[in-house]
Each structure stands twice: as structure tokens, then as C-alpha cells.
Amino acid sequence: MLKHKALLAGIAAAVVGLICISQGISQQAGTDQPGGRARGQRPDPAQVRQQMMDRMKETLGASDAEWKTLGPMFETVTTLSREARDGMGGMGGMGGAGRRGARNAETRPAPEPTTETGKTMQALSKVLDNKEAKPAEIKSALQAVRDARAQAEAKLAKAEKDVRAALTVRQEGEAVRRGWIR
């Protein structure tokens, strides 16, 4: 029984030692997150997008030749989907702060929207921030958002139709199952 306790204590000490060494190496490298980025640093959007596209290609079993056609089509669908959903081109709602970054919204300027939906959402936010805004102003800003979203939805529907035409039936099924297209 004493030997078992000594063995367990030795294993626990080894694990703690490995954790400390691992943290020390991460701190020396200036990182403590997977992928080599420092804590609090946002991942590179281009790198995240490329990783997502690589996973799509692999999941669909697309050849390099097929992906030359499909890749840009899926990028278009992804962009239009974000625009139709929140209008901020992937920057999140909440005034551009993003869902997790809302507490730091005062210290970080909101990015300028690049899409029509994003611009109308920004205009709506400005109207709503004005406590003196008249109901007619709010209704007008709301209608502009709804119109922009409807246009984005129409573009998205066409882009999804184009993607479906280029996919095999199996690839289409996988893309729908994963939520990449509807």
C-alpha cells in the first residue's frame, strides 16, 4: 500500500513538472495559446479562413482541380451568409465589438462596415443611441436594414444555387449537413 502511494506521488510530481516546463517554454516563446499566439491576441482572420477552407475541401473530398472552382464559390457563400445574418462582414453585431469583446467596446474603435447590410446596421445603431430619435426615424432605419438583408439573402440564394450546381450529390449532402449551404 505504501509503495502504491509513493508511486502515485511520483507520477503526480512528474505531471506537475511537465506542466511547469510546458508553461515555461510557452512563456519564453511569448505565447501561451495553441497556434503560437499570445494570450488575448486575436487569431489572424486570413489564417482562420484558410484553415476553414482547407477543412471544407478535405470534408468534401474535392480534388485540387475541383477546389479551384469550388473554393471561391464557398468563400462567396460564406461572406454573403455573414452579411445576410449580421451585416458586419464577420465582425459581429454589438457595434462591431463582437459577442465576446463587448466589455472592451469602449477601448476599441468599432471597425467600419464594408457591406450594405453592415452600413444600415450602423445607421440603425446611431439612431437607437439617440434617445431623442422619433419613432419614424427608427422605423426608417429598421426598414433599411430589412431591405439590405433581403438583398443579401437574394444574393446568397443565387450563390448557393451556383455551388449546388458544381457539387456532386454526395458533396452537396455533406455541405448541407455541415451548414455550409442550405
N, C-alpha and C. Protein backbone atom coordinates (compact mmCIF):
# COMPACT_ATOMS: atom_id res chain seq x y z
N MET A 1 0.83 -1.20 0.00
CA MET A 1 0.00 0.00 0.00
C MET A 1 0.87 1.25 0.00
N LEU A 2 1.94 1.24 0.79
CA LEU A 2 2.86 2.36 0.85
C LEU A 2 3.56 2.56 -0.49
N LYS A 3 3.87 1.45 -1.17
CA LYS A 3 4.52 1.55 -2.47
C LYS A 3 3.60 2.22 -3.48
N HIS A 4 2.29 1.90 -3.43
CA HIS A 4 1.33 2.50 -4.36
C HIS A 4 1.22 4.01 -4.14
N LYS A 5 1.19 4.43 -2.86
CA LYS A 5 1.11 5.86 -2.57
C LYS A 5 2.36 6.57 -3.06
N ALA A 6 3.51 5.95 -2.87
CA ALA A 6 4.76 6.55 -3.33
C ALA A 6 4.78 6.65 -4.84
N LEU A 7 4.28 5.61 -5.51
CA LEU A 7 4.24 5.60 -6.97
C LEU A 7 3.29 6.70 -7.48
N LEU A 8 2.12 6.82 -6.87
CA LEU A 8 1.17 7.85 -7.27
C LEU A 8 1.74 9.25 -7.02
N ALA A 9 2.41 9.44 -5.91
CA ALA A 9 3.02 10.74 -5.61
C ALA A 9 4.09 11.07 -6.65
N GLY A 10 4.86 10.08 -7.04
CA GLY A 10 5.90 10.28 -8.05
C GLY A 10 5.30 10.65 -9.40
N ILE A 11 4.22 9.99 -9.79
CA ILE A 11 3.56 10.29 -11.05
C ILE A 11 2.98 11.70 -11.01
N ALA A 12 2.34 12.06 -9.90
CA ALA A 12 1.76 13.39 -9.76
C ALA A 12 2.85 14.45 -9.85
N ALA A 13 3.98 14.22 -9.22
CA ALA A 13 5.09 15.18 -9.27
C ALA A 13 5.61 15.32 -10.70
N ALA A 14 5.69 14.21 -11.42
CA ALA A 14 6.16 14.26 -12.81
C ALA A 14 5.20 15.05 -13.69
N VAL A 15 3.91 14.85 -13.50
CA VAL A 15 2.91 15.57 -14.29
C VAL A 15 3.01 17.07 -14.00
N VAL A 16 3.09 17.44 -12.73
CA VAL A 16 3.21 18.85 -12.36
C VAL A 16 4.48 19.44 -12.98
N GLY A 17 5.56 18.68 -12.94
CA GLY A 17 6.81 19.14 -13.54
C GLY A 17 6.68 19.38 -15.03
N LEU A 18 6.03 18.46 -15.72
CA LEU A 18 5.83 18.61 -17.17
C LEU A 18 4.97 19.83 -17.49
N ILE A 19 3.96 20.06 -16.68
CA ILE A 19 3.10 21.22 -16.89
C ILE A 19 3.90 22.50 -16.71
N CYS A 20 4.71 22.56 -15.67
CA CYS A 20 5.52 23.75 -15.42
C CYS A 20 6.52 23.98 -16.55
N ILE A 21 7.14 22.92 -17.02
CA ILE A 21 8.09 23.05 -18.13
C ILE A 21 7.37 23.55 -19.38
N SER A 22 6.20 22.98 -19.65
CA SER A 22 5.42 23.38 -20.82
C SER A 22 5.05 24.86 -20.75
N GLN A 23 4.61 25.32 -19.58
CA GLN A 23 4.25 26.73 -19.43
C GLN A 23 5.47 27.62 -19.57
N GLY A 24 6.58 27.19 -19.06
CA GLY A 24 7.82 27.96 -19.18
C GLY A 24 8.24 28.11 -20.63
N ILE A 25 8.15 27.05 -21.40
CA ILE A 25 8.50 27.11 -22.82
C ILE A 25 7.55 28.06 -23.55
N SER A 26 6.26 27.97 -23.24
CA SER A 26 5.29 28.86 -23.88
C SER A 26 5.57 30.31 -23.55
N GLN A 27 5.91 30.60 -22.29
CA GLN A 27 6.18 31.97 -21.89
C GLN A 27 7.47 32.48 -22.52
N GLN A 28 8.48 31.63 -22.66
CA GLN A 28 9.71 32.04 -23.32
C GLN A 28 9.45 32.41 -24.76
N ALA A 29 8.58 31.68 -25.39
CA ALA A 29 8.24 31.95 -26.79
C ALA A 29 7.28 33.13 -26.90
N GLY A 30 6.81 33.64 -25.76
CA GLY A 30 5.88 34.76 -25.76
C GLY A 30 4.46 34.34 -26.07
N THR A 31 4.19 33.06 -25.96
CA THR A 31 2.86 32.57 -26.26
C THR A 31 2.39 31.67 -25.15
N ASP A 32 1.08 31.53 -25.07
CA ASP A 32 0.51 30.55 -24.15
C ASP A 32 -0.77 29.99 -24.73
N GLN A 33 -0.94 30.13 -26.03
CA GLN A 33 -2.12 29.64 -26.72
C GLN A 33 -1.71 28.71 -27.84
N PRO A 34 -2.60 27.79 -28.22
CA PRO A 34 -2.31 26.96 -29.37
C PRO A 34 -2.11 27.84 -30.60
N GLY A 35 -1.24 27.41 -31.48
CA GLY A 35 -1.00 28.17 -32.71
C GLY A 35 0.02 29.26 -32.53
N GLY A 36 0.63 29.37 -31.33
CA GLY A 36 1.72 30.30 -31.12
C GLY A 36 1.31 31.75 -30.93
N ARG A 37 0.05 32.03 -30.62
CA ARG A 37 -0.33 33.42 -30.42
C ARG A 37 -0.40 33.71 -28.92
N ALA A 38 -0.10 34.94 -28.56
CA ALA A 38 -0.10 35.33 -27.16
C ALA A 38 -1.52 35.41 -26.64
N ARG A 39 -1.66 35.23 -25.34
CA ARG A 39 -2.98 35.31 -24.71
C ARG A 39 -3.58 36.69 -24.99
N GLY A 40 -4.84 36.70 -25.36
CA GLY A 40 -5.52 37.95 -25.64
C GLY A 40 -5.37 38.42 -27.08
N GLN A 41 -4.42 37.84 -27.80
CA GLN A 41 -4.22 38.23 -29.21
C GLN A 41 -5.22 37.48 -30.07
N ARG A 42 -5.84 38.20 -30.97
CA ARG A 42 -6.82 37.57 -31.85
C ARG A 42 -6.12 36.78 -32.94
N PRO A 43 -6.73 35.66 -33.35
CA PRO A 43 -6.13 34.90 -34.45
C PRO A 43 -6.19 35.70 -35.74
N ASP A 44 -5.28 35.43 -36.63
CA ASP A 44 -5.24 36.09 -37.92
C ASP A 44 -6.45 35.64 -38.73
N PRO A 45 -7.35 36.56 -39.12
CA PRO A 45 -8.55 36.17 -39.86
C PRO A 45 -8.25 35.42 -41.16
N ALA A 46 -7.20 35.82 -41.85
CA ALA A 46 -6.86 35.14 -43.11
C ALA A 46 -6.45 33.69 -42.84
N GLN A 47 -5.72 33.49 -41.76
CA GLN A 47 -5.29 32.13 -41.40
C GLN A 47 -6.49 31.28 -40.99
N VAL A 48 -7.40 31.84 -40.23
CA VAL A 48 -8.60 31.12 -39.81
C VAL A 48 -9.44 30.77 -41.03
N ARG A 49 -9.60 31.73 -41.94
CA ARG A 49 -10.38 31.49 -43.16
C ARG A 49 -9.73 30.38 -44.00
N GLN A 50 -8.40 30.40 -44.11
CA GLN A 50 -7.71 29.37 -44.90
C GLN A 50 -7.88 28.00 -44.26
N GLN A 51 -7.80 27.92 -42.94
CA GLN A 51 -7.99 26.65 -42.25
C GLN A 51 -9.41 26.12 -42.48
N MET A 52 -10.40 27.03 -42.44
CA MET A 52 -11.79 26.63 -42.68
C MET A 52 -11.94 26.09 -44.10
N MET A 53 -11.35 26.80 -45.06
CA MET A 53 -11.46 26.37 -46.45
C MET A 53 -10.74 25.03 -46.67
N ASP A 54 -9.62 24.83 -46.02
CA ASP A 54 -8.91 23.55 -46.11
C ASP A 54 -9.77 22.40 -45.56
N ARG A 55 -10.46 22.67 -44.43
CA ARG A 55 -11.35 21.65 -43.86
C ARG A 55 -12.50 21.35 -44.79
N MET A 56 -13.05 22.37 -45.43
CA MET A 56 -14.15 22.16 -46.38
C MET A 56 -13.68 21.27 -47.53
N LYS A 57 -12.54 21.62 -48.10
CA LYS A 57 -12.01 20.85 -49.24
C LYS A 57 -11.83 19.38 -48.84
N GLU A 58 -11.23 19.18 -47.68
CA GLU A 58 -10.98 17.80 -47.20
C GLU A 58 -12.29 17.07 -46.94
N THR A 59 -13.23 17.72 -46.27
CA THR A 59 -14.51 17.10 -45.95
C THR A 59 -15.28 16.71 -47.21
N LEU A 60 -15.23 17.57 -48.21
CA LEU A 60 -15.94 17.30 -49.46
C LEU A 60 -15.19 16.32 -50.35
N GLY A 61 -13.94 16.04 -50.01
CA GLY A 61 -13.15 15.13 -50.84
C GLY A 61 -12.89 15.71 -52.22
N ALA A 62 -12.77 17.03 -52.29
CA ALA A 62 -12.58 17.70 -53.57
C ALA A 62 -11.12 17.62 -54.00
N SER A 63 -10.91 17.38 -55.26
CA SER A 63 -9.55 17.38 -55.82
C SER A 63 -9.08 18.83 -55.91
N ASP A 64 -7.79 19.02 -56.16
CA ASP A 64 -7.25 20.37 -56.32
C ASP A 64 -7.94 21.08 -57.48
N ALA A 65 -8.17 20.36 -58.56
CA ALA A 65 -8.83 20.95 -59.73
C ALA A 65 -10.26 21.37 -59.40
N GLU A 66 -11.00 20.50 -58.68
CA GLU A 66 -12.37 20.85 -58.29
C GLU A 66 -12.37 22.06 -57.35
N TRP A 67 -11.40 22.09 -56.44
CA TRP A 67 -11.38 23.15 -55.43
C TRP A 67 -11.08 24.51 -56.04
N LYS A 68 -10.40 24.53 -57.18
CA LYS A 68 -10.15 25.82 -57.85
C LYS A 68 -11.47 26.48 -58.22
N THR A 69 -12.47 25.69 -58.51
CA THR A 69 -13.80 26.21 -58.81
C THR A 69 -14.62 26.37 -57.54
N LEU A 70 -14.63 25.33 -56.70
CA LEU A 70 -15.49 25.33 -55.51
C LEU A 70 -15.02 26.31 -54.42
N GLY A 71 -13.73 26.43 -54.22
CA GLY A 71 -13.21 27.28 -53.14
C GLY A 71 -13.74 28.70 -53.20
N PRO A 72 -13.56 29.40 -54.33
CA PRO A 72 -14.10 30.76 -54.42
C PRO A 72 -15.62 30.82 -54.26
N MET A 73 -16.29 29.78 -54.74
CA MET A 73 -17.76 29.76 -54.60
C MET A 73 -18.15 29.68 -53.12
N PHE A 74 -17.46 28.82 -52.36
CA PHE A 74 -17.77 28.70 -50.94
C PHE A 74 -17.37 29.97 -50.18
N GLU A 75 -16.29 30.62 -50.59
CA GLU A 75 -15.92 31.89 -49.95
C GLU A 75 -17.02 32.92 -50.15
N THR A 76 -17.58 32.97 -51.36
CA THR A 76 -18.68 33.90 -51.65
C THR A 76 -19.89 33.57 -50.79
N VAL A 77 -20.25 32.29 -50.70
CA VAL A 77 -21.40 31.89 -49.89
C VAL A 77 -21.17 32.26 -48.42
N THR A 78 -19.98 32.03 -47.91
CA THR A 78 -19.67 32.33 -46.52
C THR A 78 -19.80 33.83 -46.25
N THR A 79 -19.25 34.63 -47.14
CA THR A 79 -19.32 36.08 -46.99
C THR A 79 -20.76 36.57 -47.05
N LEU A 80 -21.52 36.10 -48.03
CA LEU A 80 -22.91 36.53 -48.17
C LEU A 80 -23.77 36.04 -46.99
N SER A 81 -23.44 34.88 -46.47
CA SER A 81 -24.18 34.36 -45.32
C SER A 81 -23.98 35.27 -44.10
N ARG A 82 -22.73 35.68 -43.86
CA ARG A 82 -22.46 36.60 -42.75
C ARG A 82 -23.19 37.92 -42.96
N GLU A 83 -23.15 38.41 -44.19
CA GLU A 83 -23.80 39.68 -44.48
C GLU A 83 -25.30 39.60 -44.26
N ALA A 84 -25.90 38.51 -44.72
CA ALA A 84 -27.35 38.36 -44.55
C ALA A 84 -27.72 38.20 -43.08
N ARG A 85 -26.82 37.57 -42.32
CA ARG A 85 -27.11 37.30 -40.91
C ARG A 85 -26.93 38.54 -40.04
N ASP A 86 -25.73 39.13 -40.07
CA ASP A 86 -25.48 40.22 -39.13
C ASP A 86 -24.99 41.51 -39.78
N GLY A 87 -24.62 41.44 -41.03
CA GLY A 87 -24.27 42.65 -41.74
C GLY A 87 -22.92 43.23 -41.43
N MET A 88 -22.18 42.63 -40.55
CA MET A 88 -20.90 43.22 -40.17
C MET A 88 -19.73 42.50 -40.84
N GLY A 89 -20.00 41.66 -41.81
CA GLY A 89 -18.92 41.01 -42.53
C GLY A 89 -18.04 40.17 -41.63
N GLY A 90 -18.67 39.55 -40.61
CA GLY A 90 -17.91 38.69 -39.72
C GLY A 90 -17.42 39.39 -38.47
N MET A 91 -17.69 40.68 -38.32
CA MET A 91 -17.20 41.41 -37.16
C MET A 91 -18.15 41.31 -35.98
N GLY A 92 -19.28 40.68 -36.17
CA GLY A 92 -20.24 40.52 -35.07
C GLY A 92 -21.21 41.68 -35.06
N GLY A 93 -22.21 41.56 -34.26
CA GLY A 93 -23.17 42.64 -34.08
C GLY A 93 -22.61 43.58 -33.04
N MET A 94 -23.35 44.02 -32.13
CA MET A 94 -22.93 44.76 -30.95
C MET A 94 -21.95 45.89 -31.27
N GLY A 95 -22.25 46.67 -32.28
CA GLY A 95 -21.42 47.83 -32.58
C GLY A 95 -20.02 47.48 -33.03
N GLY A 96 -19.82 46.29 -33.56
CA GLY A 96 -18.52 45.91 -34.05
C GLY A 96 -17.63 45.32 -32.98
N ALA A 97 -18.09 45.26 -31.74
CA ALA A 97 -17.25 44.75 -30.67
C ALA A 97 -17.18 43.24 -30.69
N GLY A 98 -18.11 42.60 -31.35
CA GLY A 98 -18.14 41.14 -31.33
C GLY A 98 -18.84 40.67 -30.08
N ARG A 99 -19.30 39.46 -30.09
CA ARG A 99 -20.08 38.96 -28.95
C ARG A 99 -19.23 38.82 -27.69
N ARG A 100 -17.99 38.36 -27.83
CA ARG A 100 -17.16 38.16 -26.64
C ARG A 100 -16.42 39.43 -26.25
N GLY A 101 -16.27 40.38 -27.16
CA GLY A 101 -15.48 41.56 -26.86
C GLY A 101 -16.29 42.76 -26.44
N ALA A 102 -17.54 42.58 -26.10
CA ALA A 102 -18.41 43.71 -25.78
C ALA A 102 -17.90 44.50 -24.59
N ARG A 103 -17.28 43.85 -23.63
CA ARG A 103 -16.83 44.57 -22.44
C ARG A 103 -15.69 45.53 -22.76
N ASN A 104 -14.99 45.33 -23.89
CA ASN A 104 -13.90 46.20 -24.27
C ASN A 104 -14.30 47.17 -25.38
N ALA A 105 -15.58 47.29 -25.65
CA ALA A 105 -16.04 48.10 -26.78
C ALA A 105 -15.62 49.55 -26.64
N GLU A 106 -15.52 50.06 -25.42
CA GLU A 106 -15.15 51.47 -25.22
C GLU A 106 -13.69 51.71 -25.56
N THR A 107 -12.84 50.72 -25.39
CA THR A 107 -11.41 50.91 -25.62
C THR A 107 -10.99 50.59 -27.04
N ARG A 108 -11.83 49.91 -27.78
CA ARG A 108 -11.51 49.52 -29.16
C ARG A 108 -12.49 50.19 -30.10
N PRO A 109 -11.99 50.91 -31.10
CA PRO A 109 -12.94 51.50 -32.04
C PRO A 109 -13.61 50.42 -32.86
N ALA A 110 -14.87 50.65 -33.17
CA ALA A 110 -15.62 49.69 -33.98
C ALA A 110 -15.11 49.77 -35.41
N PRO A 111 -14.92 48.62 -36.05
CA PRO A 111 -14.49 48.65 -37.44
C PRO A 111 -15.60 49.21 -38.33
N GLU A 112 -15.20 49.88 -39.38
CA GLU A 112 -16.17 50.41 -40.33
C GLU A 112 -16.77 49.26 -41.12
N PRO A 113 -18.09 49.22 -41.23
CA PRO A 113 -18.72 48.15 -42.02
C PRO A 113 -18.37 48.32 -43.50
N THR A 114 -18.26 47.18 -44.16
CA THR A 114 -17.90 47.20 -45.58
C THR A 114 -19.06 46.76 -46.46
N THR A 115 -20.12 46.28 -45.87
CA THR A 115 -21.26 45.79 -46.65
C THR A 115 -22.44 46.73 -46.48
N GLU A 116 -23.37 46.65 -47.41
CA GLU A 116 -24.56 47.49 -47.31
C GLU A 116 -25.36 47.16 -46.05
N THR A 117 -25.46 45.88 -45.74
CA THR A 117 -26.18 45.48 -44.52
C THR A 117 -25.48 46.03 -43.29
N GLY A 118 -24.17 45.96 -43.27
CA GLY A 118 -23.40 46.50 -42.14
C GLY A 118 -23.58 47.99 -41.99
N LYS A 119 -23.60 48.69 -43.11
CA LYS A 119 -23.79 50.15 -43.07
C LYS A 119 -25.18 50.51 -42.54
N THR A 120 -26.18 49.74 -42.95
CA THR A 120 -27.53 50.03 -42.45
C THR A 120 -27.66 49.67 -40.97
N MET A 121 -26.95 48.62 -40.55
CA MET A 121 -26.95 48.27 -39.12
C MET A 121 -26.27 49.37 -38.30
N GLN A 122 -25.19 49.92 -38.83
CA GLN A 122 -24.50 51.01 -38.14
C GLN A 122 -25.41 52.23 -38.04
N ALA A 123 -26.13 52.52 -39.12
CA ALA A 123 -27.06 53.65 -39.10
C ALA A 123 -28.18 53.42 -38.07
N LEU A 124 -28.68 52.19 -38.01
CA LEU A 124 -29.71 51.87 -37.01
C LEU A 124 -29.15 52.07 -35.60
N SER A 125 -27.93 51.63 -35.36
CA SER A 125 -27.31 51.80 -34.04
C SER A 125 -27.24 53.28 -33.67
N LYS A 126 -26.85 54.11 -34.62
CA LYS A 126 -26.76 55.56 -34.34
C LYS A 126 -28.12 56.13 -34.00
N VAL A 127 -29.14 55.71 -34.74
CA VAL A 127 -30.49 56.20 -34.45
C VAL A 127 -30.92 55.74 -33.05
N LEU A 128 -30.67 54.48 -32.74
CA LEU A 128 -31.09 53.96 -31.43
C LEU A 128 -30.30 54.57 -30.28
N ASP A 129 -29.04 54.95 -30.54
CA ASP A 129 -28.23 55.60 -29.50
C ASP A 129 -28.74 57.01 -29.19
N ASN A 130 -29.46 57.60 -30.13
CA ASN A 130 -30.05 58.91 -29.93
C ASN A 130 -31.37 58.74 -29.17
N LYS A 131 -31.36 59.08 -27.92
CA LYS A 131 -32.56 58.92 -27.09
C LYS A 131 -33.70 59.83 -27.54
N GLU A 132 -33.40 60.84 -28.36
CA GLU A 132 -34.43 61.76 -28.86
C GLU A 132 -34.98 61.32 -30.21
N ALA A 133 -34.54 60.20 -30.73
CA ALA A 133 -34.98 59.75 -32.06
C ALA A 133 -36.48 59.51 -32.07
N LYS A 134 -37.09 59.94 -33.13
CA LYS A 134 -38.53 59.78 -33.31
C LYS A 134 -38.84 58.37 -33.80
N PRO A 135 -40.00 57.84 -33.49
CA PRO A 135 -40.38 56.51 -33.98
C PRO A 135 -40.25 56.38 -35.50
N ALA A 136 -40.56 57.42 -36.25
CA ALA A 136 -40.46 57.36 -37.71
C ALA A 136 -39.00 57.16 -38.15
N GLU A 137 -38.05 57.79 -37.44
CA GLU A 137 -36.63 57.61 -37.77
C GLU A 137 -36.21 56.17 -37.52
N ILE A 138 -36.66 55.61 -36.40
CA ILE A 138 -36.32 54.23 -36.06
C ILE A 138 -36.92 53.28 -37.08
N LYS A 139 -38.19 53.51 -37.45
CA LYS A 139 -38.85 52.65 -38.44
C LYS A 139 -38.11 52.71 -39.78
N SER A 140 -37.68 53.89 -40.17
CA SER A 140 -36.97 54.06 -41.44
C SER A 140 -35.64 53.29 -41.42
N ALA A 141 -34.91 53.40 -40.31
CA ALA A 141 -33.63 52.69 -40.18
C ALA A 141 -33.85 51.18 -40.16
N LEU A 142 -34.92 50.75 -39.47
CA LEU A 142 -35.25 49.32 -39.44
C LEU A 142 -35.57 48.80 -40.84
N GLN A 143 -36.33 49.57 -41.60
CA GLN A 143 -36.69 49.15 -42.95
C GLN A 143 -35.46 49.07 -43.84
N ALA A 144 -34.53 49.99 -43.67
CA ALA A 144 -33.29 49.96 -44.46
C ALA A 144 -32.50 48.68 -44.16
N VAL A 145 -32.45 48.29 -42.88
CA VAL A 145 -31.76 47.04 -42.50
C VAL A 145 -32.47 45.85 -43.14
N ARG A 146 -33.79 45.84 -43.04
CA ARG A 146 -34.55 44.71 -43.61
C ARG A 146 -34.38 44.62 -45.12
N ASP A 147 -34.38 45.77 -45.80
CA ASP A 147 -34.19 45.77 -47.25
C ASP A 147 -32.79 45.27 -47.62
N ALA A 148 -31.77 45.73 -46.90
CA ALA A 148 -30.40 45.30 -47.18
C ALA A 148 -30.24 43.80 -46.93
N ARG A 149 -30.85 43.32 -45.85
CA ARG A 149 -30.79 41.88 -45.57
C ARG A 149 -31.50 41.07 -46.65
N ALA A 150 -32.63 41.57 -47.14
CA ALA A 150 -33.36 40.87 -48.19
C ALA A 150 -32.52 40.79 -49.46
N GLN A 151 -31.83 41.87 -49.79
CA GLN A 151 -30.94 41.85 -50.96
C GLN A 151 -29.80 40.85 -50.75
N ALA A 152 -29.22 40.85 -49.55
CA ALA A 152 -28.14 39.91 -49.25
C ALA A 152 -28.64 38.47 -49.32
N GLU A 153 -29.86 38.23 -48.84
CA GLU A 153 -30.45 36.89 -48.90
C GLU A 153 -30.64 36.44 -50.35
N ALA A 154 -31.07 37.37 -51.21
CA ALA A 154 -31.26 37.04 -52.63
C ALA A 154 -29.92 36.67 -53.28
N LYS A 155 -28.87 37.44 -52.96
CA LYS A 155 -27.53 37.14 -53.49
C LYS A 155 -27.04 35.80 -52.95
N LEU A 156 -27.32 35.54 -51.67
CA LEU A 156 -26.91 34.28 -51.07
C LEU A 156 -27.62 33.11 -51.72
N ALA A 157 -28.92 33.23 -51.96
CA ALA A 157 -29.68 32.15 -52.60
C ALA A 157 -29.10 31.82 -53.98
N LYS A 158 -28.74 32.85 -54.74
CA LYS A 158 -28.15 32.61 -56.06
C LYS A 158 -26.78 31.94 -55.93
N ALA A 159 -25.95 32.41 -55.00
CA ALA A 159 -24.62 31.83 -54.81
C ALA A 159 -24.72 30.37 -54.38
N GLU A 160 -25.67 30.06 -53.50
CA GLU A 160 -25.87 28.66 -53.08
C GLU A 160 -26.33 27.80 -54.24
N LYS A 161 -27.19 28.35 -55.08
CA LYS A 161 -27.65 27.61 -56.26
C LYS A 161 -26.48 27.29 -57.18
N ASP A 162 -25.58 28.26 -57.36
CA ASP A 162 -24.40 28.05 -58.19
C ASP A 162 -23.49 26.98 -57.60
N VAL A 163 -23.31 27.00 -56.28
CA VAL A 163 -22.47 25.99 -55.62
C VAL A 163 -23.09 24.61 -55.80
N ARG A 164 -24.39 24.50 -55.55
CA ARG A 164 -25.06 23.20 -55.68
C ARG A 164 -24.88 22.62 -57.08
N ALA A 165 -24.92 23.47 -58.10
CA ALA A 165 -24.77 23.01 -59.48
C ALA A 165 -23.36 22.45 -59.73
N ALA A 166 -22.38 22.90 -58.95
CA ALA A 166 -21.00 22.46 -59.16
C ALA A 166 -20.62 21.25 -58.30
N LEU A 167 -21.47 20.89 -57.34
CA LEU A 167 -21.17 19.80 -56.41
C LEU A 167 -21.73 18.47 -56.92
N THR A 168 -21.08 17.40 -56.49
CA THR A 168 -21.68 16.08 -56.68
C THR A 168 -22.81 15.97 -55.65
N VAL A 169 -23.66 14.98 -55.80
CA VAL A 169 -24.76 14.80 -54.85
C VAL A 169 -24.22 14.55 -53.44
N ARG A 170 -23.18 13.73 -53.32
CA ARG A 170 -22.58 13.45 -52.01
C ARG A 170 -22.00 14.72 -51.41
N GLN A 171 -21.29 15.51 -52.21
CA GLN A 171 -20.71 16.75 -51.71
C GLN A 171 -21.80 17.72 -51.26
N GLU A 172 -22.87 17.78 -52.04
CA GLU A 172 -23.98 18.65 -51.66
C GLU A 172 -24.58 18.21 -50.33
N GLY A 173 -24.77 16.91 -50.17
CA GLY A 173 -25.31 16.40 -48.90
C GLY A 173 -24.41 16.76 -47.73
N GLU A 174 -23.11 16.62 -47.92
CA GLU A 174 -22.15 16.95 -46.86
C GLU A 174 -22.18 18.45 -46.56
N ALA A 175 -22.25 19.26 -47.59
CA ALA A 175 -22.27 20.71 -47.40
C ALA A 175 -23.53 21.15 -46.67
N VAL A 176 -24.67 20.51 -46.98
CA VAL A 176 -25.91 20.85 -46.27
C VAL A 176 -25.83 20.37 -44.84
N ARG A 177 -25.33 19.16 -44.63
CA ARG A 177 -25.23 18.61 -43.28
C ARG A 177 -24.36 19.49 -42.39
N ARG A 178 -23.30 20.06 -42.95
CA ARG A 178 -22.38 20.90 -42.19
C ARG A 178 -22.85 22.34 -42.06
N GLY A 179 -23.94 22.67 -42.77
CA GLY A 179 -24.47 24.03 -42.67
C GLY A 179 -23.74 25.02 -43.57
N TRP A 180 -22.96 24.54 -44.54
CA TRP A 180 -22.24 25.45 -45.42
C TRP A 180 -23.15 26.02 -46.49
N ILE A 181 -24.18 25.26 -46.85
CA ILE A 181 -25.22 25.75 -47.74
C ILE A 181 -26.55 25.26 -47.18
N ARG A 182 -27.64 25.84 -47.68
CA ARG A 182 -28.96 25.42 -47.20
C ARG A 182 -29.60 24.51 -48.22
